Amino acid sequence: MEKKLISICIPTYNRPEELKRTLESIDTTKYDDVNIVISENCSPKQKETRAIVEEFKNSSKYDVYYYENEKNIGYDKNIRALIQRSKGQFSMFFSDDDMFMPGAMDAFVEFVREHQDCGYILRSYRNYKEDGSYNDFRYYKEDKVFSAGKETAMQMFDKSVFLSGFTIRTEYAKEYVTDALDGSLLYQIYLVLEVCRRYPSAYSTILISKAVPISNNTHYFGECDEEKELYKTGLKGADDRFNFALWYMKIIDYIELKYNDGFGQEFKKYMSKYSFSILSSARGNYLNWKQFIKYSAKLKQIGYGTSFYFYIYYYALLLLGKNICWKSIYFLKKIIGHRPNL
């Protein structure tokens, strides 16, 4: 069987109605280039999910492949399972609670076709808030191609956390399979570090996906053995947030230990420069100001406090709060058209 250009790979758990919304948002007309692969992670709503997928499969023009895991294998292992099950030259990962931007997929397919020599495609996306406002995540003024190397890997790393639209060449992702990072919830950014070191990558300005508020506001992390000791409250507690931030550094250390090329310290300084999201994600929504001070002190200890930007973010968030700081960031991004390059 000839491979499609792109497999849309969807890990799903306990969200049949949200998955239905995601599937119905796929509107590409390039049926010969795209198929859909779904991996259901043994959730309580498995039967409902199966019914949703069967209905969609019978009514759509896409080739749809549906798999059910015999037990909950966790986020990271389910990503690996999808890589093995992918039918495309490229695997585009998509969360079961996000949606495709209308009309964007056809253009994105052509972008991928024009950059088939690349190992990784960095996407742009839109993030909606509950009040209907949104923030566009664009990282450069125009489409770009990057040569392989450590510098490119570093630049792509923190831009690749959001899963929906994450696009990687399947055969390259298969080269770097490991279970050493299970429980991190960040397996895809490990792949970025490996693939971008060895293969060229590209950035597309096309807004391919949009994150929308979760209807039941539930994050299903901590449900399997690898995650339950780290994430007990769906990333809402102080320990949960810190463990998530710690895994960024653990992944950098893992790569540094593997290659021993002295890049780890420079990489951690880069993460410090762009630590606003790590800090702001905990401020206000999950931690009060006293907890935020303790949380930030722990971040400093593990390497985030190596640039003055960290302290600018810290004091701004502590004194002004999350909303004012984010509004300032939104305003700045609208002026320059993309995330500032520091």
Protein backbone atom coordinates (compact mmCIF):
# COMPACT_ATOMS: atom_id res chain seq x y z
CA MET A 1 0.00 0.00 0.00
CA GLU A 2 1.39 3.39 -1.01
CA LYS A 3 1.82 5.75 1.91
CA LYS A 4 -0.24 8.91 2.15
CA LEU A 5 1.61 12.16 2.58
CA ILE A 6 0.13 12.88 6.03
CA SER A 7 -1.48 10.79 8.73
CA ILE A 8 -3.52 12.88 11.15
CA CYS A 9 -2.72 11.05 14.40
CA ILE A 10 -5.16 11.59 17.28
CA PRO A 11 -4.54 10.22 20.78
CA THR A 12 -7.86 10.19 22.60
CA TYR A 13 -9.10 9.49 26.12
CA ASN A 14 -12.61 9.90 27.52
CA ARG A 15 -13.70 12.66 25.14
CA PRO A 16 -16.06 11.17 22.54
CA GLU A 17 -18.01 14.37 21.91
CA GLU A 18 -14.88 16.51 21.71
CA LEU A 19 -13.32 13.93 19.37
CA LYS A 20 -16.39 14.13 17.16
CA ARG A 21 -15.94 17.91 16.97
CA THR A 22 -12.28 17.46 16.06
CA LEU A 23 -13.02 14.94 13.32
CA GLU A 24 -15.78 17.07 11.84
CA SER A 25 -13.41 20.03 11.64
CA ILE A 26 -11.12 18.18 9.20
CA ASP A 27 -12.07 19.80 5.93
CA THR A 28 -9.24 19.09 3.49
CA THR A 29 -10.24 18.11 -0.03
CA LYS A 30 -6.96 16.27 -0.60
CA TYR A 31 -8.25 12.80 0.22
CA ASP A 32 -5.42 11.12 -1.69
CA ASP A 33 -2.86 12.77 0.58
CA VAL A 34 -4.40 12.43 4.02
CA ASN A 35 -5.65 9.67 6.29
CA ILE A 36 -6.65 9.59 9.95
CA VAL A 37 -5.25 7.34 12.68
CA ILE A 38 -6.89 7.29 16.14
CA SER A 39 -5.52 5.59 19.26
CA GLU A 40 -8.07 5.26 22.08
CA ASN A 41 -6.34 4.85 25.44
CA CYS A 42 -8.73 2.48 27.26
CA SER A 43 -10.97 5.15 28.76
CA PRO A 44 -14.29 4.67 30.61
CA LYS A 45 -16.03 6.10 27.52
CA GLN A 46 -14.36 3.72 25.08
CA LYS A 47 -17.66 2.40 23.69
CA GLU A 48 -18.97 5.91 23.06
CA THR A 49 -15.71 6.82 21.33
CA ARG A 50 -15.85 3.70 19.18
CA ALA A 51 -19.37 4.58 18.08
CA ILE A 52 -18.36 8.15 17.21
CA VAL A 53 -15.43 6.93 15.11
CA GLU A 54 -17.51 4.29 13.32
CA GLU A 55 -20.15 6.86 12.43
CA PHE A 56 -17.51 9.26 11.12
CA LYS A 57 -15.70 6.52 9.23
CA ASN A 58 -18.90 5.45 7.46
CA SER A 59 -19.88 8.96 6.46
CA SER A 60 -16.52 10.49 5.45
CA LYS A 61 -14.27 10.17 2.42
CA TYR A 62 -11.13 9.72 4.49
CA ASP A 63 -9.35 6.47 5.24
CA VAL A 64 -9.78 6.10 9.00
CA TYR A 65 -7.81 3.65 11.17
CA TYR A 66 -9.00 3.13 14.73
CA TYR A 67 -7.13 1.34 17.51
CA GLU A 68 -8.00 0.63 21.14
CA ASN A 69 -5.26 0.08 23.71
CA GLU A 70 -5.86 -2.84 26.07
CA LYS A 71 -4.94 -0.63 29.04
CA ASN A 72 -4.20 3.02 29.68
CA ILE A 73 -0.59 3.32 28.54
CA GLY A 74 -0.25 7.04 29.26
CA TYR A 75 0.25 10.06 27.05
CA ASP A 76 3.85 9.50 25.95
CA LYS A 77 3.50 5.82 25.12
CA ASN A 78 0.29 6.54 23.20
CA ILE A 79 2.20 9.06 21.08
CA ARG A 80 4.75 6.33 20.33
CA ALA A 81 1.95 3.90 19.51
CA LEU A 82 0.57 6.36 16.97
CA ILE A 83 3.99 6.77 15.38
CA GLN A 84 4.12 3.00 14.88
CA ARG A 85 0.54 2.95 13.55
CA SER A 86 0.93 5.97 11.29
CA LYS A 87 0.28 5.33 7.61
CA GLY A 88 1.78 8.58 6.31
CA GLN A 89 5.19 9.87 5.31
CA PHE A 90 4.52 12.55 7.92
CA SER A 91 2.62 12.17 11.16
CA MET A 92 0.56 15.20 12.17
CA PHE A 93 -0.51 14.90 15.79
CA PHE A 94 -3.75 16.43 16.96
CA SER A 95 -5.37 16.62 20.40
CA ASP A 96 -8.88 15.23 20.75
CA ASP A 97 -10.22 18.54 22.11
CA ASP A 98 -8.81 20.94 19.48
CA MET A 99 -10.06 21.82 16.01
CA PHE A 100 -8.66 22.49 12.56
CA MET A 101 -8.82 26.05 11.30
CA PRO A 102 -11.39 26.21 8.46
CA GLY A 103 -9.79 25.94 5.03
CA ALA A 104 -6.23 25.69 6.32
CA MET A 105 -5.44 22.03 5.78
CA ASP A 106 -5.30 22.12 1.97
CA ALA A 107 -2.65 24.85 2.08
CA PHE A 108 -0.75 23.00 4.80
CA VAL A 109 -0.72 19.79 2.74
CA GLU A 110 0.91 21.72 -0.11
CA PHE A 111 3.44 23.22 2.30
CA VAL A 112 4.40 19.75 3.53
CA ARG A 113 4.62 18.47 -0.04
CA GLU A 114 7.04 21.28 -0.90
CA HIS A 115 9.18 20.45 2.16
CA GLN A 116 9.30 16.65 2.02
CA ASP A 117 13.05 16.75 2.61
CA CYS A 118 12.43 18.15 6.10
CA GLY A 119 12.22 16.05 9.22
CA TYR A 120 9.99 18.44 11.16
CA ILE A 121 7.42 21.12 10.32
CA LEU A 122 6.77 23.79 12.98
CA ARG A 123 3.12 24.92 12.81
CA SER A 124 1.29 28.09 13.78
CA TYR A 125 -1.93 27.95 15.78
CA ARG A 126 -4.66 29.99 17.47
CA ASN A 127 -5.55 29.76 21.14
CA TYR A 128 -9.07 30.74 22.22
CA LYS A 129 -10.00 31.87 25.73
CA GLU A 130 -13.34 31.28 27.41
CA ASP A 131 -14.45 34.87 26.70
CA GLY A 132 -14.02 34.29 22.95
CA SER A 133 -10.81 36.29 22.57
CA TYR A 134 -7.81 34.56 21.05
CA ASN A 135 -4.08 34.70 20.66
CA ASP A 136 -2.27 33.66 17.48
CA PHE A 137 0.99 31.81 18.00
CA ARG A 138 3.29 32.71 15.14
CA TYR A 139 7.03 32.54 15.62
CA TYR A 140 8.50 34.21 12.52
CA LYS A 141 7.34 36.83 10.02
CA GLU A 142 7.39 34.41 7.09
CA ASP A 143 7.82 30.78 6.14
CA LYS A 144 11.34 29.56 6.83
CA VAL A 145 13.61 26.57 6.29
CA PHE A 146 16.24 25.67 8.88
CA SER A 147 19.37 23.60 8.40
CA ALA A 148 19.97 20.63 10.66
CA GLY A 149 21.85 21.26 13.87
CA LYS A 150 21.78 21.85 17.60
CA GLU A 151 20.85 25.52 17.26
CA THR A 152 17.77 24.66 15.21
CA ALA A 153 16.80 21.95 17.69
CA MET A 154 17.00 24.50 20.51
CA GLN A 155 14.90 27.04 18.62
CA MET A 156 12.19 24.49 17.84
CA PHE A 157 12.08 22.88 21.30
CA ASP A 158 9.87 25.20 23.34
CA LYS A 159 7.75 26.15 20.32
CA SER A 160 6.59 22.56 19.94
CA VAL A 161 4.81 21.85 23.23
CA PHE A 162 1.30 22.43 21.88
CA LEU A 163 0.43 19.12 20.22
CA SER A 164 -2.20 19.96 17.60
CA GLY A 165 -0.51 20.40 14.23
CA PHE A 166 2.81 18.93 15.39
CA THR A 167 4.15 17.39 12.16
CA ILE A 168 7.16 15.10 11.95
CA ARG A 169 8.50 12.69 9.35
CA THR A 170 7.36 9.27 10.50
CA GLU A 171 10.45 7.26 9.61
CA TYR A 172 12.69 9.73 11.46
CA ALA A 173 10.50 9.65 14.57
CA LYS A 174 10.80 5.87 14.57
CA GLU A 175 14.59 6.14 14.76
CA TYR A 176 14.49 7.59 18.28
CA VAL A 177 11.98 5.48 20.19
CA THR A 178 12.57 5.44 23.96
CA ASP A 179 10.54 4.87 27.10
CA ALA A 180 13.03 6.78 29.27
CA LEU A 181 10.84 9.89 29.23
CA ASP A 182 7.48 8.29 29.98
CA GLY A 183 5.47 10.45 32.35
CA SER A 184 6.92 13.68 31.00
CA LEU A 185 3.86 14.51 28.83
CA LEU A 186 6.47 16.01 26.50
CA TYR A 187 7.58 13.13 24.28
CA GLN A 188 7.07 15.18 21.12
CA ILE A 189 9.64 17.80 22.11
CA TYR A 190 12.19 15.09 22.75
CA LEU A 191 11.61 13.99 19.15
CA VAL A 192 12.18 17.58 18.03
CA LEU A 193 15.61 17.61 19.67
CA GLU A 194 16.61 14.38 17.98
CA VAL A 195 15.18 14.97 14.51
CA CYS A 196 16.13 18.65 14.13
CA ARG A 197 19.76 17.91 15.01
CA ARG A 198 20.08 15.65 11.96
CA TYR A 199 17.53 16.77 9.40
CA PRO A 200 16.39 20.14 8.05
CA SER A 201 13.13 21.57 9.32
CA ALA A 202 10.65 24.21 8.22
CA TYR A 203 8.22 26.72 9.70
CA SER A 204 4.78 27.45 8.24
CA THR A 205 2.87 30.66 8.96
CA ILE A 206 -0.42 28.89 8.17
CA LEU A 207 -2.67 28.80 11.24
CA ILE A 208 -3.48 25.11 11.06
CA SER A 209 -5.20 24.46 14.39
CA LYS A 210 -7.10 26.18 17.15
CA ALA A 211 -7.26 25.36 20.83
CA VAL A 212 -10.68 25.86 22.35
CA PRO A 213 -11.71 25.68 26.03
CA ILE A 214 -12.38 22.14 27.22
CA SER A 215 -16.08 21.67 27.90
CA ASN A 216 -15.61 19.88 31.23
CA ASN A 217 -12.27 21.58 32.03
CA THR A 218 -10.68 18.21 32.76
CA HIS A 219 -7.12 17.20 31.86
CA TYR A 220 -6.78 13.42 32.02
CA PHE A 221 -3.19 13.17 33.20
CA GLY A 222 -2.14 10.98 36.11
CA GLU A 223 -4.41 8.10 35.09
CA CYS A 224 -1.68 5.53 34.34
CA ASP A 225 1.21 4.11 36.37
CA GLU A 226 3.90 6.29 34.76
CA GLU A 227 1.96 9.51 35.45
CA LYS A 228 0.06 9.00 38.69
CA GLU A 229 3.02 9.73 40.97
CA LEU A 230 3.74 12.99 39.15
CA TYR A 231 0.33 14.39 38.21
CA LYS A 232 -2.49 13.84 40.65
CA THR A 233 -4.71 16.83 39.87
CA GLY A 234 -4.53 17.33 36.11
CA LEU A 235 -1.64 19.83 36.27
CA LYS A 236 -3.50 22.12 38.67
CA GLY A 237 -1.42 21.76 41.84
CA ALA A 238 1.94 23.32 42.70
CA ASP A 239 3.73 19.96 42.58
CA ASP A 240 2.12 19.09 39.26
CA ARG A 241 3.20 22.35 37.67
CA PHE A 242 6.75 21.97 38.99
CA ASN A 243 7.07 18.37 37.80
CA PHE A 244 5.94 19.45 34.34
CA ALA A 245 8.52 22.28 34.28
CA LEU A 246 11.20 19.93 35.60
CA TRP A 247 10.70 17.54 32.71
CA TYR A 248 11.87 20.19 30.22
CA MET A 249 15.21 20.23 32.00
CA LYS A 250 15.29 16.45 32.35
CA ILE A 251 14.88 16.09 28.59
CA ILE A 252 17.74 18.54 28.00
CA ASP A 253 19.89 16.58 30.47
CA TYR A 254 18.94 13.33 28.73
CA ILE A 255 20.13 14.68 25.37
CA GLU A 256 23.28 16.17 26.93
CA LEU A 257 24.16 12.85 28.54
CA LYS A 258 23.55 11.03 25.27
CA TYR A 259 25.72 13.29 23.09
CA ASN A 260 28.04 14.89 25.66
CA ASP A 261 28.61 17.94 23.45
CA GLY A 262 28.41 20.68 26.09
CA PHE A 263 25.18 22.13 24.75
CA GLY A 264 23.10 21.64 27.88
CA GLN A 265 24.00 24.85 29.71
CA GLU A 266 23.42 27.04 26.67
CA PHE A 267 20.11 25.29 26.15
CA LYS A 268 19.01 25.91 29.74
CA LYS A 269 19.84 29.60 29.37
CA TYR A 270 17.65 29.66 26.27
CA MET A 271 14.82 28.09 28.27
CA SER A 272 15.30 30.75 30.94
CA LYS A 273 14.95 33.51 28.35
CA TYR A 274 11.63 32.06 27.21
CA SER A 275 10.32 30.98 30.62
CA PHE A 276 7.33 33.33 30.66
CA SER A 277 4.83 30.59 29.82
CA ILE A 278 6.32 28.24 32.45
CA LEU A 279 5.87 30.96 35.08
CA SER A 280 2.56 32.41 33.91
CA SER A 281 0.85 29.03 33.54
CA ALA A 282 1.01 28.66 37.32
CA ARG A 283 0.27 32.25 38.34
CA GLY A 284 -3.35 33.05 39.20
CA ASN A 285 -5.17 30.01 37.86
CA TYR A 286 -3.51 27.41 40.04
CA LEU A 287 -1.21 29.09 42.59
CA ASN A 288 -1.74 32.05 44.89
CA TRP A 289 1.07 34.58 45.28
CA LYS A 290 2.71 32.76 48.20
CA GLN A 291 2.71 29.46 46.32
CA PHE A 292 3.96 31.26 43.20
CA ILE A 293 7.00 32.60 45.11
CA LYS A 294 7.90 29.08 46.27
CA TYR A 295 7.26 27.64 42.82
CA SER A 296 9.50 30.24 41.17
CA ALA A 297 12.30 29.63 43.69
CA LYS A 298 12.24 25.93 42.80
CA LEU A 299 12.37 26.78 39.09
CA LYS A 300 15.45 28.90 39.75
CA GLN A 301 17.16 25.98 41.49
CA ILE A 302 16.72 23.64 38.51
CA GLY A 303 18.13 26.06 35.96
CA TYR A 304 15.42 28.47 34.87
CA GLY A 305 16.99 31.47 36.65
CA THR A 306 20.03 31.80 34.39
CA SER A 307 18.93 34.93 32.50
CA PHE A 308 17.59 38.33 33.58
CA TYR A 309 14.42 37.69 31.56
CA PHE A 310 13.32 35.13 34.16
CA TYR A 311 13.38 37.81 36.86
CA ILE A 312 11.54 40.32 34.68
CA TYR A 313 8.76 37.77 34.14
CA TYR A 314 8.77 36.78 37.80
CA TYR A 315 8.38 40.26 39.26
CA ALA A 316 5.90 41.35 36.59
CA LEU A 317 3.68 38.33 37.27
CA LEU A 318 4.04 38.68 41.02
CA LEU A 319 3.21 42.40 41.13
CA LEU A 320 0.88 42.86 38.16
CA GLY A 321 -0.74 39.44 37.90
CA LYS A 322 -1.24 37.10 34.99
CA ASN A 323 -3.97 38.96 33.10
CA ILE A 324 -2.12 42.27 32.79
CA CYS A 325 1.09 40.52 31.77
CA TRP A 326 -0.65 38.43 29.12
CA LYS A 327 -2.45 41.48 27.72
CA SER A 328 0.91 43.20 27.40
CA ILE A 329 2.34 40.17 25.59
CA TYR A 330 -0.67 40.04 23.24
CA PHE A 331 -0.25 43.74 22.45
CA LEU A 332 3.45 43.33 21.70
CA LYS A 333 2.86 40.31 19.48
CA LYS A 334 0.21 42.16 17.48
CA ILE A 335 2.63 44.99 16.85
CA ILE A 336 5.48 42.80 15.57
CA GLY A 337 3.30 39.98 14.18
CA HIS A 338 4.98 37.07 15.95
CA ARG A 339 6.58 36.03 19.21
CA PRO A 340 9.57 38.27 20.06
CA ASN A 341 12.95 36.69 19.37
CA LEU A 342 15.15 37.47 22.36
